Every structure is written in C-alpha cells, then in structure tokens.
Amino acid sequence: MMNLGFTIGVLGVLILSHAAYSTIQYRGLLKIVEEEFSGPPMTVVLELLFGLVLCLWAALSVPGKFISIHPDSDDNRIVSLPDNLDFMIFNHRGKVLQPDTGMKLKC
C-alpha cells in the first residue's frame, strides 16, 4: 500500500508541475497576442484540482498507521527516562510564564 501511495504522490506532483508549466506557457501566448491574463484555462484548473487530490491522498496514506496517544492504550510504546539525567533541567525561565490562576504552588 505504501508503494502505491508514494507512486500516486509522485504522479500528483508531476501533474501539479505540468499545470504550472501550462499556465506559464498560456501567459506567454497571451503576451504574444497582446491580450490580458484573466486566469488560467479551465483545463488547467481541473488539472490543479486533480493533482491536489492525488497529493492529499498520498500525504494521508504514505505515513502509515496512526498510533494512539491515550495513556491507557495497549498500542503505546514503552517510554523510559534516559540513563544520564544530567541534561534534565527543571529550574528554567518557564516558571515566569505561569498563568495567574489564584492557585499557590507548594514549595
């Protein structure tokens, strides 16, 4: 499934690139015939939408399965503290940014 999603993503990017190139060519043609650019042709707009749908589908399918973030879930992986606790700092300037909720901290 991942190879199919990746292939569709590459195809979507190629379609978006072709739509951009077609728009640039169309604007060049309008300059030659001395007409004003009012927007890309409908075929380019449809090509952009189709490329966007393919890229969105690939972006949602390629990363894989979402993992639960609930603490009681069976799918959670084991998280442990590092062996060297020297880099864990609890006294930092973040304590200045605490909201004033009327609660007192126990020190």
N, C-alpha and C. Protein backbone atom coordinates (compact mmCIF):
# COMPACT_ATOMS: atom_id res chain seq x y z
N MET A 1 0.83 -1.19 0.00
CA MET A 1 0.00 0.00 0.00
C MET A 1 0.87 1.25 0.00
N MET A 2 2.04 1.18 0.66
CA MET A 2 2.88 2.36 0.73
C MET A 2 3.48 2.69 -0.63
N ASN A 3 3.84 1.68 -1.41
CA ASN A 3 4.39 1.95 -2.74
C ASN A 3 3.35 2.59 -3.64
N LEU A 4 2.11 2.15 -3.54
CA LEU A 4 1.04 2.73 -4.34
C LEU A 4 0.81 4.19 -3.93
N GLY A 5 0.80 4.47 -2.64
CA GLY A 5 0.61 5.83 -2.17
C GLY A 5 1.75 6.74 -2.60
N PHE A 6 2.97 6.24 -2.53
CA PHE A 6 4.12 7.03 -2.95
C PHE A 6 4.07 7.31 -4.44
N THR A 7 3.69 6.31 -5.23
CA THR A 7 3.58 6.49 -6.68
C THR A 7 2.51 7.52 -7.02
N ILE A 8 1.39 7.45 -6.32
CA ILE A 8 0.32 8.41 -6.57
C ILE A 8 0.76 9.81 -6.15
N GLY A 9 1.54 9.93 -5.10
CA GLY A 9 2.07 11.22 -4.69
C GLY A 9 3.00 11.82 -5.73
N VAL A 10 3.87 11.00 -6.28
CA VAL A 10 4.78 11.47 -7.32
C VAL A 10 3.99 11.88 -8.55
N LEU A 11 2.97 11.10 -8.91
CA LEU A 11 2.11 11.44 -10.04
C LEU A 11 1.39 12.77 -9.79
N GLY A 12 0.92 12.98 -8.56
CA GLY A 12 0.26 14.24 -8.22
C GLY A 12 1.19 15.43 -8.35
N VAL A 13 2.44 15.27 -7.90
CA VAL A 13 3.42 16.35 -8.02
C VAL A 13 3.73 16.63 -9.49
N LEU A 14 3.84 15.58 -10.29
CA LEU A 14 4.09 15.78 -11.72
C LEU A 14 2.91 16.50 -12.40
N ILE A 15 1.69 16.16 -12.01
CA ILE A 15 0.52 16.83 -12.58
C ILE A 15 0.48 18.29 -12.17
N LEU A 16 0.81 18.59 -10.90
CA LEU A 16 0.86 19.98 -10.46
C LEU A 16 1.96 20.76 -11.19
N SER A 17 3.09 20.12 -11.43
CA SER A 17 4.17 20.78 -12.16
C SER A 17 3.76 21.05 -13.60
N HIS A 18 3.07 20.10 -14.22
CA HIS A 18 2.60 20.30 -15.59
C HIS A 18 1.57 21.42 -15.65
N ALA A 19 0.71 21.52 -14.67
CA ALA A 19 -0.28 22.60 -14.64
C ALA A 19 0.41 23.95 -14.50
N ALA A 20 1.45 24.03 -13.69
CA ALA A 20 2.19 25.28 -13.55
C ALA A 20 2.88 25.64 -14.87
N TYR A 21 3.48 24.67 -15.51
CA TYR A 21 4.14 24.91 -16.80
C TYR A 21 3.12 25.34 -17.86
N SER A 22 1.95 24.73 -17.86
CA SER A 22 0.90 25.09 -18.82
C SER A 22 0.43 26.52 -18.60
N THR A 23 0.33 26.93 -17.34
CA THR A 23 -0.09 28.30 -17.05
C THR A 23 0.96 29.30 -17.51
N ILE A 24 2.22 28.98 -17.32
CA ILE A 24 3.30 29.87 -17.78
C ILE A 24 3.29 29.97 -19.30
N GLN A 25 3.09 28.85 -19.98
CA GLN A 25 3.00 28.87 -21.44
C GLN A 25 1.81 29.69 -21.90
N TYR A 26 0.68 29.55 -21.23
CA TYR A 26 -0.53 30.27 -21.60
C TYR A 26 -0.32 31.78 -21.43
N ARG A 27 0.33 32.18 -20.36
CA ARG A 27 0.60 33.60 -20.15
C ARG A 27 1.55 34.14 -21.22
N GLY A 28 2.53 33.34 -21.61
CA GLY A 28 3.44 33.74 -22.69
C GLY A 28 2.70 33.90 -24.01
N LEU A 29 1.77 33.00 -24.28
CA LEU A 29 0.96 33.09 -25.50
C LEU A 29 0.10 34.35 -25.49
N LEU A 30 -0.47 34.66 -24.33
CA LEU A 30 -1.29 35.88 -24.24
C LEU A 30 -0.46 37.14 -24.44
N LYS A 31 0.79 37.13 -24.01
CA LYS A 31 1.65 38.29 -24.24
C LYS A 31 1.95 38.46 -25.72
N ILE A 32 2.10 37.35 -26.42
CA ILE A 32 2.38 37.42 -27.85
C ILE A 32 1.19 38.01 -28.61
N VAL A 33 -0.03 37.59 -28.27
CA VAL A 33 -1.22 38.09 -28.95
C VAL A 33 -1.75 39.37 -28.30
N GLU A 34 -1.03 39.88 -27.30
CA GLU A 34 -1.33 41.14 -26.62
C GLU A 34 -2.73 41.16 -26.01
N GLU A 35 -3.05 40.09 -25.29
CA GLU A 35 -4.30 40.03 -24.53
C GLU A 35 -3.95 40.03 -23.05
N GLU A 36 -4.92 40.40 -22.21
CA GLU A 36 -4.68 40.46 -20.77
C GLU A 36 -5.00 39.11 -20.13
N PHE A 37 -4.19 38.74 -19.14
CA PHE A 37 -4.38 37.48 -18.42
C PHE A 37 -5.49 37.64 -17.39
N SER A 38 -6.55 36.87 -17.54
CA SER A 38 -7.67 36.94 -16.59
C SER A 38 -7.74 35.70 -15.71
N GLY A 39 -6.97 34.71 -16.02
CA GLY A 39 -6.95 33.48 -15.24
C GLY A 39 -6.57 32.31 -16.13
N PRO A 40 -6.18 31.22 -15.52
CA PRO A 40 -5.78 30.06 -16.33
C PRO A 40 -7.01 29.41 -16.98
N PRO A 41 -6.81 28.65 -18.05
CA PRO A 41 -7.93 27.96 -18.69
C PRO A 41 -8.54 26.92 -17.75
N MET A 42 -9.77 26.53 -18.04
CA MET A 42 -10.50 25.59 -17.18
C MET A 42 -9.78 24.24 -17.12
N THR A 43 -9.13 23.83 -18.20
CA THR A 43 -8.42 22.53 -18.17
C THR A 43 -7.28 22.56 -17.16
N VAL A 44 -6.61 23.71 -17.04
CA VAL A 44 -5.51 23.82 -16.09
C VAL A 44 -6.05 23.82 -14.66
N VAL A 45 -7.19 24.47 -14.44
CA VAL A 45 -7.80 24.48 -13.11
C VAL A 45 -8.20 23.06 -12.71
N LEU A 46 -8.79 22.32 -13.64
CA LEU A 46 -9.17 20.93 -13.34
C LEU A 46 -7.94 20.07 -13.09
N GLU A 47 -6.88 20.33 -13.83
CA GLU A 47 -5.63 19.60 -13.64
C GLU A 47 -5.04 19.91 -12.25
N LEU A 48 -5.13 21.17 -11.83
CA LEU A 48 -4.66 21.54 -10.50
C LEU A 48 -5.45 20.84 -9.41
N LEU A 49 -6.76 20.81 -9.55
CA LEU A 49 -7.61 20.15 -8.55
C LEU A 49 -7.32 18.65 -8.49
N PHE A 50 -7.15 18.03 -9.65
CA PHE A 50 -6.86 16.59 -9.69
C PHE A 50 -5.50 16.30 -9.05
N GLY A 51 -4.50 17.12 -9.36
CA GLY A 51 -3.18 16.95 -8.74
C GLY A 51 -3.22 17.17 -7.24
N LEU A 52 -4.02 18.14 -6.80
CA LEU A 52 -4.17 18.40 -5.37
C LEU A 52 -4.79 17.21 -4.65
N VAL A 53 -5.83 16.64 -5.24
CA VAL A 53 -6.49 15.47 -4.63
C VAL A 53 -5.52 14.30 -4.54
N LEU A 54 -4.73 14.08 -5.59
CA LEU A 54 -3.76 12.97 -5.56
C LEU A 54 -2.69 13.21 -4.49
N CYS A 55 -2.21 14.44 -4.38
CA CYS A 55 -1.19 14.74 -3.36
C CYS A 55 -1.74 14.61 -1.95
N LEU A 56 -2.97 15.06 -1.74
CA LEU A 56 -3.58 14.92 -0.41
C LEU A 56 -3.78 13.46 -0.05
N TRP A 57 -4.25 12.67 -1.02
CA TRP A 57 -4.46 11.24 -0.75
C TRP A 57 -3.13 10.56 -0.41
N ALA A 58 -2.09 10.92 -1.14
CA ALA A 58 -0.77 10.32 -0.86
C ALA A 58 -0.24 10.77 0.50
N ALA A 59 -0.47 12.03 0.85
CA ALA A 59 0.03 12.54 2.13
C ALA A 59 -0.66 11.85 3.30
N LEU A 60 -1.88 11.43 3.12
CA LEU A 60 -2.59 10.74 4.20
C LEU A 60 -2.33 9.24 4.22
N SER A 61 -1.94 8.67 3.10
CA SER A 61 -1.76 7.22 3.06
C SER A 61 -0.30 6.78 3.23
N VAL A 62 0.66 7.59 2.84
CA VAL A 62 2.07 7.18 2.89
C VAL A 62 2.60 7.07 4.32
N PRO A 63 2.31 8.02 5.23
CA PRO A 63 2.94 7.93 6.56
C PRO A 63 2.62 6.64 7.32
N GLY A 64 1.52 6.00 7.05
CA GLY A 64 1.22 4.74 7.72
C GLY A 64 0.12 4.87 8.75
N LYS A 65 0.08 3.89 9.64
CA LYS A 65 -0.98 3.82 10.64
C LYS A 65 -0.73 4.82 11.77
N PHE A 66 -1.78 5.50 12.19
CA PHE A 66 -1.67 6.41 13.32
C PHE A 66 -1.60 5.60 14.61
N ILE A 67 -0.80 6.05 15.56
CA ILE A 67 -0.63 5.37 16.83
C ILE A 67 -1.42 6.14 17.89
N SER A 68 -2.06 5.42 18.76
CA SER A 68 -2.87 6.04 19.80
C SER A 68 -1.99 6.80 20.78
N ILE A 69 -2.51 7.94 21.26
CA ILE A 69 -1.76 8.73 22.24
C ILE A 69 -2.38 8.65 23.62
N HIS A 70 -3.44 7.87 23.77
CA HIS A 70 -4.07 7.72 25.08
C HIS A 70 -3.15 6.94 26.01
N PRO A 71 -3.03 7.36 27.27
CA PRO A 71 -2.07 6.71 28.17
C PRO A 71 -2.44 5.27 28.51
N ASP A 72 -3.72 4.93 28.46
CA ASP A 72 -4.13 3.58 28.82
C ASP A 72 -4.22 2.64 27.62
N SER A 73 -3.80 3.09 26.46
CA SER A 73 -3.92 2.29 25.25
C SER A 73 -2.88 1.18 25.23
N ASP A 74 -3.25 0.04 24.66
CA ASP A 74 -2.32 -1.09 24.54
C ASP A 74 -1.28 -0.87 23.44
N ASP A 75 -1.56 0.08 22.52
CA ASP A 75 -0.65 0.31 21.41
C ASP A 75 0.53 1.21 21.78
N ASN A 76 0.52 1.78 22.96
CA ASN A 76 1.61 2.69 23.35
C ASN A 76 2.91 1.94 23.50
N ARG A 77 3.96 2.60 23.12
CA ARG A 77 5.28 2.00 23.30
C ARG A 77 5.82 2.42 24.67
N ILE A 78 6.77 1.70 25.16
CA ILE A 78 7.32 1.98 26.48
C ILE A 78 8.26 3.18 26.37
N VAL A 79 8.03 4.16 27.21
CA VAL A 79 8.88 5.35 27.24
C VAL A 79 9.66 5.31 28.55
N SER A 80 10.97 5.43 28.45
CA SER A 80 11.79 5.40 29.66
C SER A 80 12.65 6.65 29.70
N LEU A 81 13.09 6.98 30.89
CA LEU A 81 13.98 8.11 31.06
C LEU A 81 15.37 7.75 30.56
N PRO A 82 16.11 8.74 30.11
CA PRO A 82 17.48 8.45 29.66
C PRO A 82 18.36 8.03 30.84
N ASP A 83 19.41 7.31 30.54
CA ASP A 83 20.32 6.85 31.58
C ASP A 83 21.06 8.00 32.24
N ASN A 84 21.37 9.04 31.48
CA ASN A 84 22.11 10.17 32.01
C ASN A 84 21.12 11.30 32.30
N LEU A 85 20.85 11.56 33.57
CA LEU A 85 19.87 12.57 33.96
C LEU A 85 20.49 13.96 34.09
N ASP A 86 21.76 14.14 33.70
CA ASP A 86 22.43 15.43 33.81
C ASP A 86 21.79 16.49 32.92
N PHE A 87 21.15 16.09 31.83
CA PHE A 87 20.61 17.05 30.89
C PHE A 87 19.15 17.40 31.17
N MET A 88 18.57 16.85 32.21
CA MET A 88 17.19 17.17 32.58
C MET A 88 17.21 18.39 33.51
N ILE A 89 16.64 19.50 33.05
CA ILE A 89 16.68 20.75 33.80
C ILE A 89 15.25 21.13 34.17
N PHE A 90 15.02 21.31 35.47
CA PHE A 90 13.69 21.67 35.93
C PHE A 90 13.61 23.11 36.43
N ASN A 91 14.75 23.75 36.61
CA ASN A 91 14.78 25.13 37.07
C ASN A 91 15.13 26.00 35.86
N HIS A 92 14.10 26.50 35.17
CA HIS A 92 14.32 27.28 33.96
C HIS A 92 13.35 28.47 33.93
N ARG A 93 13.47 29.31 32.94
CA ARG A 93 12.68 30.54 32.88
C ARG A 93 11.21 30.30 32.55
N GLY A 94 10.80 29.09 32.29
CA GLY A 94 9.40 28.80 32.03
C GLY A 94 8.51 29.05 33.23
N LYS A 95 9.07 29.02 34.43
CA LYS A 95 8.25 29.25 35.62
C LYS A 95 7.76 30.70 35.69
N VAL A 96 8.40 31.62 34.99
CA VAL A 96 7.96 33.01 34.96
C VAL A 96 6.67 33.14 34.14
N LEU A 97 6.46 32.26 33.20
CA LEU A 97 5.32 32.34 32.30
C LEU A 97 4.07 31.64 32.83
N GLN A 98 4.07 31.22 34.07
CA GLN A 98 2.91 30.53 34.62
C GLN A 98 1.72 31.49 34.70
N PRO A 99 0.54 31.04 34.29
CA PRO A 99 -0.63 31.92 34.36
C PRO A 99 -1.04 32.16 35.81
N ASP A 100 -1.56 33.34 36.07
CA ASP A 100 -2.00 33.69 37.41
C ASP A 100 -3.42 33.19 37.60
N THR A 101 -3.59 31.99 38.13
CA THR A 101 -4.92 31.40 38.31
C THR A 101 -5.40 31.50 39.74
N GLY A 102 -4.62 32.09 40.62
CA GLY A 102 -5.00 32.23 42.00
C GLY A 102 -4.58 31.04 42.85
N MET A 103 -3.97 30.04 42.22
CA MET A 103 -3.51 28.87 42.98
C MET A 103 -2.06 29.11 43.39
N LYS A 104 -1.71 28.64 44.56
CA LYS A 104 -0.35 28.76 45.06
C LYS A 104 0.38 27.45 44.85
N LEU A 105 1.63 27.54 44.50
CA LEU A 105 2.47 26.36 44.36
C LEU A 105 3.03 25.99 45.71
N LYS A 106 3.13 24.68 45.97
CA LYS A 106 3.76 24.19 47.19
C LYS A 106 5.25 24.13 46.96
N CYS A 107 6.01 24.86 47.72
CA CYS A 107 7.47 24.85 47.53
C CYS A 107 8.16 24.17 48.68
